[in-house]
């Protein structure tokens, strides 16, 4: 699973809890996109979460 290169956000784990309170494993995947980003040496493709894109922490190339 991809992880954000900026904030290290990845998958989260927990349990689905039914009405009868039975628990089954669940995984929440973060919204991570592969984008071309401006860096010091030019442009580079990396995985970035959408919250980092929206906040302006990353500049797209």
N, C-alpha and C. Protein backbone atom coordinates (compact mmCIF):
# COMPACT_ATOMS: atom_id res chain seq x y z
N UNK A 1 0.84 -1.18 0.00
CA UNK A 1 0.00 0.00 0.00
C UNK A 1 0.89 1.24 0.00
N UNK A 2 0.53 2.22 -0.80
CA UNK A 2 1.30 3.44 -0.92
C UNK A 2 1.16 4.29 0.35
N UNK A 3 2.22 5.02 0.64
CA UNK A 3 2.25 5.93 1.79
C UNK A 3 2.58 7.32 1.27
N UNK A 4 2.05 8.34 1.91
CA UNK A 4 2.33 9.71 1.50
C UNK A 4 3.81 10.02 1.77
N UNK A 5 4.49 10.58 0.77
CA UNK A 5 5.90 10.90 0.90
C UNK A 5 6.12 12.13 1.78
N UNK A 6 5.10 12.94 1.99
CA UNK A 6 5.23 14.19 2.74
C UNK A 6 4.90 13.97 4.23
N UNK A 7 3.70 13.45 4.51
CA UNK A 7 3.25 13.35 5.91
C UNK A 7 3.26 11.91 6.43
N UNK A 8 3.72 10.95 5.62
CA UNK A 8 3.82 9.54 6.02
C UNK A 8 2.47 8.89 6.34
N UNK A 9 1.38 9.46 5.82
CA UNK A 9 0.05 8.89 6.07
C UNK A 9 -0.10 7.60 5.27
N UNK A 10 -0.62 6.56 5.93
CA UNK A 10 -0.82 5.28 5.27
C UNK A 10 -2.16 4.69 5.65
N UNK A 11 -2.24 3.38 5.68
CA UNK A 11 -3.48 2.70 6.02
C UNK A 11 -3.68 2.67 7.53
N UNK A 12 -4.97 2.71 7.95
CA UNK A 12 -5.32 2.59 9.36
C UNK A 12 -6.12 1.32 9.56
N UNK A 13 -5.99 0.72 10.72
CA UNK A 13 -6.63 -0.55 11.00
C UNK A 13 -7.55 -0.44 12.21
N UNK A 14 -8.60 -1.22 12.19
CA UNK A 14 -9.55 -1.23 13.30
C UNK A 14 -10.52 -2.37 13.13
N UNK A 15 -11.70 -2.24 13.72
CA UNK A 15 -12.71 -3.28 13.65
C UNK A 15 -14.03 -2.73 13.14
N UNK A 16 -14.71 -3.53 12.31
CA UNK A 16 -16.11 -3.30 12.01
C UNK A 16 -16.90 -3.88 13.16
N UNK A 17 -17.83 -3.14 13.71
CA UNK A 17 -18.64 -3.64 14.82
C UNK A 17 -20.09 -3.71 14.34
N UNK A 18 -20.64 -4.91 14.36
CA UNK A 18 -22.01 -5.11 13.88
C UNK A 18 -23.01 -4.74 14.98
N UNK A 19 -24.29 -4.82 14.62
CA UNK A 19 -25.35 -4.52 15.59
C UNK A 19 -25.31 -5.49 16.78
N UNK A 20 -24.93 -6.75 16.50
CA UNK A 20 -24.83 -7.74 17.58
C UNK A 20 -23.47 -7.66 18.29
N UNK A 21 -22.67 -6.66 17.94
CA UNK A 21 -21.37 -6.36 18.54
C UNK A 21 -20.29 -7.39 18.20
N UNK A 22 -20.46 -8.09 17.08
CA UNK A 22 -19.38 -8.95 16.58
C UNK A 22 -18.36 -8.05 15.90
N UNK A 23 -17.09 -8.40 16.04
CA UNK A 23 -16.03 -7.57 15.48
C UNK A 23 -15.30 -8.31 14.37
N UNK A 24 -15.11 -7.64 13.23
CA UNK A 24 -14.32 -8.18 12.13
C UNK A 24 -13.29 -7.14 11.74
N UNK A 25 -12.12 -7.57 11.29
CA UNK A 25 -11.05 -6.62 10.96
C UNK A 25 -11.43 -5.73 9.78
N UNK A 26 -10.98 -4.49 9.85
CA UNK A 26 -11.25 -3.52 8.78
C UNK A 26 -9.99 -2.69 8.54
N UNK A 27 -9.83 -2.28 7.27
CA UNK A 27 -8.69 -1.43 6.92
C UNK A 27 -9.22 -0.20 6.20
N UNK A 28 -8.81 0.97 6.64
CA UNK A 28 -9.13 2.23 5.98
C UNK A 28 -7.91 2.68 5.21
N UNK A 29 -8.05 2.84 3.89
CA UNK A 29 -6.94 3.29 3.06
C UNK A 29 -7.01 4.80 2.89
N UNK A 30 -5.88 5.47 3.03
CA UNK A 30 -5.85 6.92 2.84
C UNK A 30 -5.88 7.23 1.35
N UNK A 31 -6.32 8.43 1.01
CA UNK A 31 -6.47 8.85 -0.38
C UNK A 31 -5.12 9.34 -0.89
N UNK A 32 -4.34 8.42 -1.46
CA UNK A 32 -2.98 8.71 -1.91
C UNK A 32 -2.94 8.63 -3.43
N UNK A 33 -2.39 9.66 -4.06
CA UNK A 33 -2.31 9.73 -5.52
C UNK A 33 -0.85 9.77 -5.96
N UNK A 34 -0.58 9.26 -7.15
CA UNK A 34 0.74 9.35 -7.75
C UNK A 34 0.77 10.62 -8.59
N UNK A 35 1.58 11.60 -8.20
CA UNK A 35 1.63 12.89 -8.90
C UNK A 35 3.07 13.28 -9.20
N UNK A 36 3.22 14.13 -10.21
CA UNK A 36 4.54 14.67 -10.55
C UNK A 36 4.73 15.95 -9.74
N UNK A 37 5.84 16.02 -8.99
CA UNK A 37 6.08 17.08 -8.03
C UNK A 37 7.38 17.80 -8.37
N UNK A 38 7.40 19.12 -8.18
CA UNK A 38 8.63 19.91 -8.37
C UNK A 38 9.56 19.67 -7.19
N UNK A 39 10.83 19.36 -7.48
CA UNK A 39 11.85 19.20 -6.45
C UNK A 39 13.06 20.05 -6.84
N UNK A 40 14.11 20.00 -6.02
CA UNK A 40 15.30 20.80 -6.29
C UNK A 40 15.97 20.39 -7.60
N UNK A 41 16.01 19.09 -7.86
CA UNK A 41 16.69 18.60 -9.05
C UNK A 41 15.80 18.48 -10.28
N UNK A 42 14.63 19.07 -10.26
CA UNK A 42 13.71 18.97 -11.38
C UNK A 42 12.36 18.48 -10.91
N UNK A 43 11.75 17.58 -11.68
CA UNK A 43 10.46 17.05 -11.27
C UNK A 43 10.60 15.55 -10.98
N UNK A 44 9.76 15.07 -10.10
CA UNK A 44 9.85 13.69 -9.63
C UNK A 44 8.44 13.18 -9.38
N UNK A 45 8.19 11.90 -9.69
CA UNK A 45 6.89 11.30 -9.44
C UNK A 45 6.91 10.66 -8.06
N UNK A 46 5.93 11.01 -7.23
CA UNK A 46 5.86 10.44 -5.88
C UNK A 46 4.41 10.32 -5.45
N UNK A 47 4.19 9.52 -4.41
CA UNK A 47 2.86 9.33 -3.85
C UNK A 47 2.59 10.41 -2.81
N UNK A 48 1.48 11.15 -3.00
CA UNK A 48 1.13 12.25 -2.11
C UNK A 48 -0.35 12.12 -1.78
N UNK A 49 -0.71 12.33 -0.49
CA UNK A 49 -2.12 12.27 -0.11
C UNK A 49 -2.81 13.56 -0.55
N UNK A 50 -4.12 13.48 -0.72
CA UNK A 50 -4.87 14.61 -1.25
C UNK A 50 -4.93 15.77 -0.26
N UNK A 51 -4.81 15.50 1.03
CA UNK A 51 -4.80 16.60 2.00
C UNK A 51 -3.52 17.43 1.87
N UNK A 52 -2.39 16.80 1.54
CA UNK A 52 -1.15 17.55 1.31
C UNK A 52 -1.23 18.34 0.01
N UNK A 53 -1.88 17.79 -1.02
CA UNK A 53 -2.07 18.52 -2.27
C UNK A 53 -2.95 19.73 -2.07
N UNK A 54 -4.04 19.55 -1.32
CA UNK A 54 -5.00 20.63 -1.11
C UNK A 54 -4.43 21.75 -0.25
N UNK A 55 -3.61 21.40 0.75
CA UNK A 55 -3.07 22.40 1.67
C UNK A 55 -1.92 23.20 1.06
N UNK A 56 -1.36 22.71 -0.06
CA UNK A 56 -0.28 23.44 -0.72
C UNK A 56 1.11 23.07 -0.22
N UNK A 57 1.24 21.96 0.49
CA UNK A 57 2.57 21.52 0.94
C UNK A 57 3.43 21.05 -0.22
N UNK A 58 2.77 20.69 -1.32
CA UNK A 58 3.46 20.15 -2.50
C UNK A 58 3.10 21.01 -3.70
N UNK A 59 4.08 21.30 -4.54
CA UNK A 59 3.82 22.03 -5.79
C UNK A 59 3.90 21.07 -6.95
N UNK A 60 2.81 20.99 -7.72
CA UNK A 60 2.78 20.09 -8.87
C UNK A 60 3.64 20.63 -10.00
N UNK A 61 4.23 19.70 -10.75
CA UNK A 61 5.07 20.09 -11.90
C UNK A 61 4.26 20.08 -13.18
